[in-house]
Structures are given as structure tokens and as C-alpha cells.
N, C-alpha and C. Protein backbone atom coordinates (compact mmCIF):
# COMPACT_ATOMS: atom_id res chain seq x y z
N MET A 1 51.11 70.02 17.97
CA MET A 1 49.91 70.34 17.00
C MET A 1 49.96 69.94 15.75
N ALA A 2 49.05 69.61 15.33
CA ALA A 2 48.82 68.77 14.25
C ALA A 2 49.12 69.83 12.87
N ALA A 3 49.50 69.55 11.69
CA ALA A 3 49.45 70.41 10.52
C ALA A 3 47.76 70.54 10.03
N ILE A 4 47.59 71.64 9.80
CA ILE A 4 45.83 72.02 9.14
C ILE A 4 45.69 71.13 8.05
N ILE A 5 46.79 70.89 7.50
CA ILE A 5 46.13 70.02 6.28
C ILE A 5 47.51 68.99 5.52
N THR A 6 47.46 67.98 5.35
CA THR A 6 48.49 67.13 5.18
C THR A 6 48.11 66.62 3.52
N VAL A 7 49.20 66.38 2.46
CA VAL A 7 48.33 65.53 1.34
C VAL A 7 49.70 64.46 0.88
N ASN A 8 48.85 63.45 0.89
CA ASN A 8 49.84 62.53 0.92
C ASN A 8 51.16 62.10 1.91
N GLY A 9 50.41 62.19 3.32
CA GLY A 9 51.34 62.35 4.25
C GLY A 9 52.68 63.50 4.41
N ILE A 10 52.78 64.48 3.58
CA ILE A 10 53.11 65.65 3.51
C ILE A 10 52.40 66.67 4.25
N GLU A 11 52.97 67.43 5.38
CA GLU A 11 52.47 68.90 6.17
C GLU A 11 52.68 69.66 5.21
N PHE A 12 51.43 70.84 5.13
CA PHE A 12 51.22 71.74 4.08
C PHE A 12 51.15 72.73 5.25
N PRO A 13 52.02 73.91 4.90
CA PRO A 13 51.55 75.51 5.50
C PRO A 13 50.35 75.57 5.97
N ALA A 14 50.23 76.34 6.86
CA ALA A 14 48.89 76.69 6.75
C ALA A 14 48.18 77.51 5.98
N PRO A 15 47.74 77.17 5.15
CA PRO A 15 46.42 78.58 4.51
C PRO A 15 46.18 79.75 4.90
N VAL A 16 46.03 80.82 4.10
CA VAL A 16 45.40 81.91 4.53
C VAL A 16 44.48 81.78 4.80
N GLY A 17 43.46 83.04 5.79
CA GLY A 17 42.22 82.46 6.41
C GLY A 17 41.39 82.87 4.79
N GLY A 18 40.18 82.14 4.83
CA GLY A 18 38.98 81.98 3.52
C GLY A 18 39.16 80.87 3.07
N MET A 19 39.79 79.76 3.76
CA MET A 19 39.30 78.36 3.26
C MET A 19 37.77 77.99 3.60
N GLU A 20 37.17 77.50 2.91
CA GLU A 20 35.72 77.15 2.77
C GLU A 20 35.21 75.75 3.02
N HIS A 21 34.91 75.08 3.99
CA HIS A 21 34.66 73.89 3.97
C HIS A 21 33.25 73.87 3.52
N ILE A 22 32.96 73.32 1.99
CA ILE A 22 31.97 72.99 1.36
C ILE A 22 31.19 71.44 1.35
N ILE A 23 30.21 71.55 2.27
CA ILE A 23 29.13 70.49 2.21
C ILE A 23 28.42 69.74 1.27
N THR A 24 28.34 68.81 0.55
CA THR A 24 27.16 68.45 -0.47
C THR A 24 26.98 66.72 -0.83
N ASP A 25 25.47 66.92 -0.92
CA ASP A 25 24.81 65.33 -1.08
C ASP A 25 24.81 65.26 -2.37
N ALA A 26 24.84 63.93 -3.21
CA ALA A 26 24.76 63.87 -4.41
C ALA A 26 23.13 63.17 -4.58
N VAL A 27 22.61 63.69 -5.57
CA VAL A 27 21.13 63.27 -5.44
C VAL A 27 20.92 62.25 -6.96
N ASN A 28 20.07 61.14 -6.84
CA ASN A 28 20.12 60.41 -7.99
C ASN A 28 19.29 60.68 -9.20
N ASN A 29 18.38 61.92 -8.95
CA ASN A 29 17.41 62.21 -10.03
C ASN A 29 17.04 63.76 -9.46
N GLY A 30 16.25 63.86 -10.41
CA GLY A 30 16.36 65.79 -10.42
C GLY A 30 14.37 66.27 -9.57
N ARG A 31 14.05 67.00 -10.11
CA ARG A 31 12.33 67.15 -9.65
C ARG A 31 11.59 67.01 -10.96
N ASN A 32 10.22 66.85 -10.03
CA ASN A 32 9.41 66.23 -11.00
C ASN A 32 8.64 67.83 -11.68
N ALA A 33 7.26 67.90 -12.50
CA ALA A 33 6.79 68.89 -13.17
C ALA A 33 6.39 70.13 -12.13
N ASN A 34 5.80 69.61 -10.80
CA ASN A 34 5.58 70.50 -10.04
C ASN A 34 6.62 70.92 -9.07
N GLY A 35 7.99 70.51 -9.27
CA GLY A 35 9.30 71.49 -8.75
C GLY A 35 9.67 70.67 -7.40
N GLU A 36 8.70 69.33 -7.35
CA GLU A 36 9.20 68.53 -6.22
C GLU A 36 10.49 67.90 -6.10
N VAL A 37 11.51 67.57 -5.24
CA VAL A 37 12.03 66.64 -5.29
C VAL A 37 11.97 65.04 -5.05
N ILE A 38 12.00 64.61 -6.48
CA ILE A 38 11.90 62.83 -6.32
C ILE A 38 13.03 62.17 -6.17
N GLY A 39 13.96 62.94 -6.03
CA GLY A 39 15.40 61.71 -5.96
C GLY A 39 15.78 61.71 -4.63
N GLU A 40 16.86 60.79 -4.36
CA GLU A 40 17.04 60.44 -3.18
C GLU A 40 18.99 60.80 -3.24
N ARG A 41 19.45 60.80 -2.09
CA ARG A 41 20.55 61.01 -1.86
C ARG A 41 21.15 59.72 -2.12
N VAL A 42 22.35 59.67 -2.77
CA VAL A 42 23.01 58.61 -3.08
C VAL A 42 24.41 58.45 -2.39
N GLY A 43 25.09 57.36 -1.92
CA GLY A 43 26.60 57.57 -1.27
C GLY A 43 26.67 58.46 -0.04
N ARG A 44 27.45 59.26 0.37
CA ARG A 44 27.77 59.15 1.53
C ARG A 44 27.77 61.27 1.17
N THR A 45 27.46 61.83 2.34
CA THR A 45 27.63 63.67 2.35
C THR A 45 29.28 63.28 1.94
N GLN A 46 29.51 64.64 1.12
CA GLN A 46 31.25 64.87 0.26
C GLN A 46 31.41 66.10 0.66
N GLU A 47 32.74 66.36 1.14
CA GLU A 47 33.29 67.72 1.32
C GLU A 47 34.22 68.30 0.38
N LYS A 48 34.23 69.38 0.43
CA LYS A 48 35.34 70.14 -0.67
C LYS A 48 36.01 70.90 0.13
N LEU A 49 37.35 71.45 0.09
CA LEU A 49 37.92 72.27 0.49
C LEU A 49 38.19 73.29 -0.16
N ASN A 50 37.50 74.70 -0.23
CA ASN A 50 37.68 75.56 -1.05
C ASN A 50 37.91 76.49 -0.77
N ASN A 51 38.96 77.45 -1.77
CA ASN A 51 39.37 78.64 -1.58
C ASN A 51 40.90 78.38 -0.80
N LEU A 52 41.61 77.21 -0.78
CA LEU A 52 42.71 77.02 0.05
C LEU A 52 44.01 78.26 -0.67
N GLU A 53 44.26 78.93 0.11
CA GLU A 53 45.51 80.30 -0.50
C GLU A 53 46.73 80.02 0.43
N TRP A 54 48.07 80.08 -0.47
CA TRP A 54 49.06 80.72 0.48
C TRP A 54 49.31 81.60 0.11
N LYS A 55 49.70 82.58 0.69
CA LYS A 55 50.43 83.81 0.39
C LYS A 55 51.61 84.13 0.54
N MET A 56 52.61 84.46 0.04
CA MET A 56 53.61 85.08 0.16
C MET A 56 54.89 83.65 0.55
N ILE A 57 54.69 82.92 0.12
CA ILE A 57 55.37 81.52 0.58
C ILE A 57 56.89 81.59 -0.70
N ASP A 58 58.04 80.60 0.06
CA ASP A 58 59.23 80.85 -1.12
C ASP A 58 58.67 79.84 -2.04
N ALA A 59 59.64 79.71 -3.03
CA ALA A 59 58.88 79.38 -4.45
C ALA A 59 59.22 78.13 -4.03
N HIS A 60 59.95 77.44 -3.63
CA HIS A 60 60.29 75.67 -3.25
C HIS A 60 59.36 74.83 -2.58
N THR A 61 58.80 76.23 -1.62
CA THR A 61 57.65 75.33 -0.72
C THR A 61 56.15 75.28 -1.55
N ALA A 62 56.16 76.35 -2.89
CA ALA A 62 55.11 76.07 -3.54
C ALA A 62 55.18 75.18 -4.44
N HIS A 63 56.39 75.01 -5.32
CA HIS A 63 56.97 73.86 -5.78
C HIS A 63 56.61 72.34 -4.97
N GLU A 64 56.88 72.07 -4.08
CA GLU A 64 56.11 71.11 -3.32
C GLU A 64 55.00 71.01 -3.38
N ILE A 65 54.02 71.95 -2.70
CA ILE A 65 52.61 71.96 -2.95
C ILE A 65 51.97 71.74 -4.62
N LEU A 66 52.70 72.14 -5.13
CA LEU A 66 52.10 71.64 -6.96
C LEU A 66 52.75 70.25 -7.02
N VAL A 67 53.82 69.87 -6.77
CA VAL A 67 54.22 68.26 -7.08
C VAL A 67 53.22 67.57 -6.26
N ALA A 68 52.79 67.82 -4.91
CA ALA A 68 52.10 67.04 -4.11
C ALA A 68 50.45 66.76 -4.64
N PHE A 69 50.43 67.69 -5.74
CA PHE A 69 49.04 67.81 -6.25
C PHE A 69 48.79 66.94 -8.03
N SER A 70 50.35 66.78 -7.95
CA SER A 70 50.86 66.22 -9.65
C SER A 70 50.21 65.09 -9.78
N ASN A 71 49.31 63.90 -9.10
CA ASN A 71 48.55 62.82 -9.26
C ASN A 71 47.25 63.50 -8.85
N PHE A 72 46.43 63.03 -10.16
CA PHE A 72 45.26 63.37 -9.95
C PHE A 72 44.31 62.87 -8.52
N PHE A 73 44.64 61.78 -8.15
CA PHE A 73 44.31 61.45 -6.86
C PHE A 73 44.74 61.82 -5.70
N VAL A 74 44.72 62.66 -4.78
CA VAL A 74 45.56 62.46 -3.29
C VAL A 74 44.73 62.35 -1.97
N PHE A 75 45.37 61.82 -0.85
CA PHE A 75 44.97 61.42 0.58
C PHE A 75 45.13 62.19 1.30
N VAL A 76 44.24 63.25 1.66
CA VAL A 76 44.21 64.63 2.31
C VAL A 76 43.49 64.05 3.45
N GLN A 77 44.23 64.74 4.63
CA GLN A 77 44.26 64.41 5.81
C GLN A 77 43.81 66.16 6.75
N TYR A 78 42.60 66.68 7.22
CA TYR A 78 42.33 67.51 7.72
C TYR A 78 41.17 67.38 8.88
N PHE A 79 41.01 68.44 9.72
CA PHE A 79 39.76 68.49 10.52
C PHE A 79 38.63 68.66 9.96
N SER A 80 37.46 67.60 9.95
CA SER A 80 36.25 67.98 9.60
C SER A 80 35.37 68.49 10.30
N ILE A 81 34.91 69.55 9.79
CA ILE A 81 33.81 70.30 10.83
C ILE A 81 32.24 69.66 10.63
N LEU A 82 32.60 68.90 9.74
CA LEU A 82 31.01 68.09 9.61
C LEU A 82 31.32 67.14 10.82
N ARG A 83 32.66 66.00 10.34
CA ARG A 83 32.37 64.97 11.56
C ARG A 83 33.10 65.13 12.78
N TRP A 84 33.40 66.44 13.02
CA TRP A 84 34.33 67.01 14.18
C TRP A 84 35.54 66.25 14.74
N GLN A 85 36.11 65.78 13.55
CA GLN A 85 37.24 64.80 13.60
C GLN A 85 38.10 64.99 12.65
N TRP A 86 39.69 64.62 12.76
CA TRP A 86 40.62 64.09 11.82
C TRP A 86 40.02 63.44 10.84
N VAL A 87 39.87 63.77 9.73
CA VAL A 87 39.41 62.83 8.32
C VAL A 87 40.66 62.53 7.41
N THR A 88 40.61 61.50 6.78
CA THR A 88 41.84 61.33 5.62
C THR A 88 40.68 60.84 4.51
N LEU A 89 40.27 61.26 3.59
CA LEU A 89 39.56 60.64 2.28
C LEU A 89 40.48 61.35 0.95
N LYS A 90 40.24 60.90 0.07
CA LYS A 90 40.67 60.33 -1.23
C LYS A 90 40.54 61.68 -1.84
N MET A 91 40.63 62.41 -2.33
CA MET A 91 40.40 63.77 -3.39
C MET A 91 41.07 64.10 -4.20
N TYR A 92 40.66 64.95 -5.12
CA TYR A 92 41.25 65.23 -6.63
C TYR A 92 41.39 66.87 -6.05
N PRO A 93 42.76 67.41 -7.03
CA PRO A 93 42.81 68.76 -6.83
C PRO A 93 42.01 69.64 -8.36
N GLY A 94 41.32 70.31 -7.88
CA GLY A 94 40.84 71.62 -9.31
C GLY A 94 42.05 72.11 -9.50
N ASP A 95 41.43 73.21 -10.43
CA ASP A 95 42.99 73.78 -11.30
C ASP A 95 43.73 74.78 -9.91
N ARG A 96 44.96 74.61 -10.12
CA ARG A 96 45.85 75.19 -9.30
C ARG A 96 46.11 76.76 -10.27
N THR A 97 46.25 77.73 -8.99
CA THR A 97 46.79 78.91 -9.58
C THR A 97 47.83 79.63 -8.92
N VAL A 98 49.04 79.83 -9.51
CA VAL A 98 49.97 80.33 -8.87
C VAL A 98 50.47 81.67 -9.36
N LYS A 99 50.86 82.38 -8.78
CA LYS A 99 51.21 83.92 -9.19
C LYS A 99 52.57 84.08 -8.67
N PRO A 100 53.86 83.83 -9.34
CA PRO A 100 55.15 83.93 -8.65
C PRO A 100 55.48 85.26 -8.93
N TYR A 101 57.01 85.54 -8.01
CA TYR A 101 57.21 86.78 -7.91
C TYR A 101 58.86 86.36 -8.41
N TYR A 102 59.35 87.06 -9.25
CA TYR A 102 60.48 86.77 -9.94
C TYR A 102 61.87 87.53 -9.25
N ASN A 103 62.73 86.98 -9.33
CA ASN A 103 63.75 87.52 -9.19
C ASN A 103 64.39 87.97 -10.66
N TYR A 104 64.56 89.18 -10.85
CA TYR A 104 65.11 89.61 -12.17
C TYR A 104 66.47 89.60 -12.09
N VAL A 105 67.32 89.18 -11.00
CA VAL A 105 68.85 88.89 -11.25
C VAL A 105 69.00 87.68 -12.11
N ASP A 106 68.69 86.78 -11.68
CA ASP A 106 68.52 85.33 -12.22
C ASP A 106 67.40 84.62 -13.57
N GLY A 107 66.37 85.78 -13.21
CA GLY A 107 64.57 85.38 -13.77
C GLY A 107 64.48 83.95 -13.19
N GLU A 108 64.42 83.70 -11.99
CA GLU A 108 63.95 82.54 -11.27
C GLU A 108 63.06 83.07 -10.25
N PRO A 109 61.89 82.50 -10.04
CA PRO A 109 60.94 82.98 -8.97
C PRO A 109 61.49 82.39 -7.67
N THR A 110 61.73 83.84 -6.60
CA THR A 110 62.31 83.42 -5.46
C THR A 110 60.87 83.62 -4.26
N LEU A 111 59.85 83.84 -4.55
CA LEU A 111 58.68 83.82 -3.73
C LEU A 111 57.28 83.50 -4.46
N VAL A 112 56.25 83.13 -4.17
CA VAL A 112 55.08 83.22 -4.62
C VAL A 112 54.03 83.94 -4.05
N GLU A 113 53.81 85.21 -4.46
CA GLU A 113 52.67 85.83 -4.01
C GLU A 113 51.43 85.20 -3.64
N SER A 114 51.03 84.04 -4.83
CA SER A 114 49.59 83.25 -4.50
C SER A 114 49.76 82.25 -4.80
N LEU A 115 49.40 80.87 -4.61
CA LEU A 115 49.04 79.80 -4.92
C LEU A 115 47.48 79.44 -4.25
N LYS A 116 46.87 79.34 -5.07
CA LYS A 116 45.17 78.78 -4.91
C LYS A 116 45.28 77.23 -5.42
N VAL A 117 44.11 76.96 -4.49
CA VAL A 117 43.48 75.23 -5.09
C VAL A 117 42.31 75.11 -4.59
N ASN A 118 41.63 74.14 -4.96
CA ASN A 118 40.59 73.70 -4.24
C ASN A 118 40.68 71.99 -4.25
N ILE A 119 40.51 71.39 -3.21
CA ILE A 119 40.36 69.88 -3.43
C ILE A 119 38.84 69.25 -2.73
N ILE A 120 38.78 68.51 -3.98
CA ILE A 120 37.32 67.85 -3.76
C ILE A 120 37.37 66.35 -3.72
N ASP A 121 36.13 66.17 -2.63
CA ASP A 121 36.11 64.61 -1.92
C ASP A 121 35.74 63.76 -3.08
N CYS A 122 36.34 62.74 -3.57
CA CYS A 122 35.76 61.58 -4.36
C CYS A 122 34.65 60.84 -3.97
N GLY A 123 34.55 60.93 -2.75
CA GLY A 123 32.92 60.25 -2.57
C GLY A 123 32.91 58.70 -2.24
N ILE A 124 34.20 58.25 -2.06
CA ILE A 124 34.38 57.02 -1.70
C ILE A 124 34.10 56.72 -0.34
N LEU A 125 33.38 55.37 -0.34
CA LEU A 125 32.66 55.08 0.86
C LEU A 125 33.48 54.17 1.57
């Protein structure tokens, strides 16, 4: 069985439920005075993996996930519901939110209660 998500060749643990596939089309213009769409779709349909979240993972795994997103652009492999196949897309991460659980003996985090990120399709054709 393949990993649910791979970033730059690194398999990530499965995120908790709640991940959303957002599908969007870019439009080159807006609406006219009557509110009618006058634009056209440009490029290809793009995808965003929204609400990726990992709960209660060890701190080192959280560190590896954050390092994988340290470059602005990453190559993400996942199963696209839209295309009904595994795809690899150039994407970029949004804000990363980490909630560490600290070990009060040495002051270092031992677990991460929550790590969240969204990753957005760059739209490369």
C-alpha cells in the first residue's frame, strides 16, 4: 500500500481525517455590469490539499515534516480524487502550525499535539 502523501520523495504518516481536496479553476477576468461572467478559464484545474493535520506524533517526525516543507516549492504525490489516479504536482505550503508537547524534565518537546498545513498546486502545465 502506498503512503497517502509523499513530499519530495519522503513518505509522510497518514494525516487525521478532515483533509479536504479543494478544486479550483483560474479565470482571466471577472463579471460585466450585469453580473455575467465574461472571463475564461486559464491554465488547468488546480488542486489544494486543505486541512492536512497530524495529531500526537513524535517531535522528530514533526521536525521531518517541517523540514520537507522548508523549501517554498515541493513535489507532492497523492491520490487525486478529481483525476482518479496518483499524481505528482509541484505545490507550495501555506502556513505551518505546530503545537508541541514539552517534556518538562529537559525542556525539549517529545510529542507534537498537532501539526497543520495546507499545500497548494502551483498550476504548472
